[in-house]
Amino acid sequence: MGVVNPEKLSIDMAFHARMTSGQAEDAIRVFGELVTRAVADGHTVELPAFGKFELGKRGNGEPALRFVQSNSVRKALKS
């Protein structure tokens, strides 16, 4: 198993969403920026059937991005 980098993810996303790989790469980058900004502002970002991103804390009290997977993701990972 390897790492799926943004370039590989954008190729797959572009194919399935019928957009160019450049558009998909931009969408992935912007998505990350928007989620980070929303969580930094104290919001939870919830994506049905995927999970939610929220503000968490590390053991030392430092803020961290926390991801909580949905039940459907949990089930898919067990398969």
C-alpha atoms as a PDB file:
ATOM      1  CA  MET A   1       0.000   0.000   0.000  1.00  0.00           C
ATOM      2  CA  GLY A   2       1.199   3.460  -0.761  1.00  0.00           C
ATOM      3  CA  VAL A   3       0.248   7.061  -0.266  1.00  0.00           C
ATOM      4  CA  VAL A   4      -2.380   8.598  -2.538  1.00  0.00           C
ATOM      5  CA  ASN A   5      -1.021  12.076  -3.192  1.00  0.00           C
ATOM      6  CA  PRO A   6      -3.052  15.081  -4.430  1.00  0.00           C
ATOM      7  CA  GLU A   7      -2.035  14.465  -8.043  1.00  0.00           C
ATOM      8  CA  LYS A   8      -3.328  10.873  -8.037  1.00  0.00           C
ATOM      9  CA  LEU A   9      -6.458  11.827  -6.115  1.00  0.00           C
ATOM     10  CA  SER A  10      -7.153  14.683  -8.552  1.00  0.00           C
ATOM     11  CA  ILE A  11      -6.919  12.337 -11.551  1.00  0.00           C
ATOM     12  CA  ASP A  12      -9.495   9.975 -10.030  1.00  0.00           C
ATOM     13  CA  MET A  13     -11.697  12.830  -8.858  1.00  0.00           C
ATOM     14  CA  ALA A  14     -11.553  14.505 -12.278  1.00  0.00           C
ATOM     15  CA  PHE A  15     -12.660  11.305 -13.990  1.00  0.00           C
ATOM     16  CA  HIS A  16     -15.585  10.635 -11.630  1.00  0.00           C
ATOM     17  CA  ALA A  17     -16.726  14.268 -11.363  1.00  0.00           C
ATOM     18  CA  ARG A  18     -16.206  14.979 -15.074  1.00  0.00           C
ATOM     19  CA  MET A  19     -13.800  17.862 -14.607  1.00  0.00           C
ATOM     20  CA  THR A  20     -10.208  18.486 -15.571  1.00  0.00           C
ATOM     21  CA  SER A  21      -7.469  17.232 -13.273  1.00  0.00           C
ATOM     22  CA  GLY A  22      -6.434  20.870 -12.747  1.00  0.00           C
ATOM     23  CA  GLN A  23      -9.944  21.759 -11.595  1.00  0.00           C
ATOM     24  CA  ALA A  24      -9.995  18.728  -9.320  1.00  0.00           C
ATOM     25  CA  GLU A  25      -6.593  19.640  -7.858  1.00  0.00           C
ATOM     26  CA  ASP A  26      -7.846  23.166  -7.158  1.00  0.00           C
ATOM     27  CA  ALA A  27     -11.022  21.775  -5.563  1.00  0.00           C
ATOM     28  CA  ILE A  28      -9.005  19.471  -3.278  1.00  0.00           C
ATOM     29  CA  ARG A  29      -6.701  22.320  -2.234  1.00  0.00           C
ATOM     30  CA  VAL A  30      -9.597  24.725  -1.605  1.00  0.00           C
ATOM     31  CA  PHE A  31     -11.523  22.050   0.305  1.00  0.00           C
ATOM     32  CA  GLY A  32      -8.597  21.620   2.694  1.00  0.00           C
ATOM     33  CA  GLU A  33      -8.278  25.378   3.169  1.00  0.00           C
ATOM     34  CA  LEU A  34     -11.998  25.843   3.816  1.00  0.00           C
ATOM     35  CA  VAL A  35     -12.221  22.967   6.290  1.00  0.00           C
ATOM     36  CA  THR A  36      -9.160  24.260   8.145  1.00  0.00           C
ATOM     37  CA  ARG A  37     -10.560  27.802   8.283  1.00  0.00           C
ATOM     38  CA  ALA A  38     -14.014  26.656   9.431  1.00  0.00           C
ATOM     39  CA  VAL A  39     -12.582  24.447  12.197  1.00  0.00           C
ATOM     40  CA  ALA A  40     -10.171  27.211  13.275  1.00  0.00           C
ATOM     41  CA  ASP A  41     -13.214  29.485  13.586  1.00  0.00           C
ATOM     42  CA  GLY A  42     -14.837  26.967  15.937  1.00  0.00           C
ATOM     43  CA  HIS A  43     -17.148  25.189  13.486  1.00  0.00           C
ATOM     44  CA  THR A  44     -17.591  21.476  12.867  1.00  0.00           C
ATOM     45  CA  VAL A  45     -17.592  20.461   9.194  1.00  0.00           C
ATOM     46  CA  GLU A  46     -19.810  17.439   8.659  1.00  0.00           C
ATOM     47  CA  LEU A  47     -19.956  15.440   5.436  1.00  0.00           C
ATOM     48  CA  PRO A  48     -22.798  12.915   5.473  1.00  0.00           C
ATOM     49  CA  ALA A  49     -21.662   9.336   4.829  1.00  0.00           C
ATOM     50  CA  PHE A  50     -18.023  10.382   5.376  1.00  0.00           C
ATOM     51  CA  GLY A  51     -17.507  11.980   8.761  1.00  0.00           C
ATOM     52  CA  LYS A  52     -16.824  15.250  10.478  1.00  0.00           C
ATOM     53  CA  PHE A  53     -13.850  17.499  11.063  1.00  0.00           C
ATOM     54  CA  GLU A  54     -13.710  19.322  14.366  1.00  0.00           C
ATOM     55  CA  LEU A  55     -11.346  21.031  16.740  1.00  0.00           C
ATOM     56  CA  GLY A  56      -9.572  18.671  19.092  1.00  0.00           C
ATOM     57  CA  LYS A  57      -6.689  18.939  21.509  1.00  0.00           C
ATOM     58  CA  ARG A  58      -3.390  17.091  21.714  1.00  0.00           C
ATOM     59  CA  GLY A  59      -2.189  15.645  24.994  1.00  0.00           C
ATOM     60  CA  ASN A  60      -0.244  18.841  25.660  1.00  0.00           C
ATOM     61  CA  GLY A  61      -3.353  20.994  25.142  1.00  0.00           C
ATOM     62  CA  GLU A  62      -2.286  22.161  21.687  1.00  0.00           C
ATOM     63  CA  PRO A  63      -5.199  22.508  19.223  1.00  0.00           C
ATOM     64  CA  ALA A  64      -5.474  19.860  16.507  1.00  0.00           C
ATOM     65  CA  LEU A  65      -7.768  18.959  13.645  1.00  0.00           C
ATOM     66  CA  ARG A  66      -9.829  15.922  14.610  1.00  0.00           C
ATOM     67  CA  PHE A  67     -11.638  13.643  12.156  1.00  0.00           C
ATOM     68  CA  VAL A  68     -14.489  11.405  13.299  1.00  0.00           C
ATOM     69  CA  GLN A  69     -15.520   8.854  10.688  1.00  0.00           C
ATOM     70  CA  SER A  70     -19.156   8.100   9.901  1.00  0.00           C
ATOM     71  CA  ASN A  71     -20.732   4.702  10.458  1.00  0.00           C
ATOM     72  CA  SER A  72     -20.706   4.033   6.706  1.00  0.00           C
ATOM     73  CA  VAL A  73     -16.936   4.653   6.550  1.00  0.00           C
ATOM     74  CA  ARG A  74     -16.417   2.443   9.599  1.00  0.00           C
ATOM     75  CA  LYS A  75     -18.383  -0.377   7.915  1.00  0.00           C
ATOM     76  CA  ALA A  76     -16.512   0.039   4.617  1.00  0.00           C
ATOM     77  CA  LEU A  77     -13.151  -0.204   6.392  1.00  0.00           C
ATOM     78  CA  LYS A  78     -14.187  -3.456   8.059  1.00  0.00           C
ATOM     79  CA  SER A  79     -14.926  -5.098   4.702  1.00  0.00           C
END
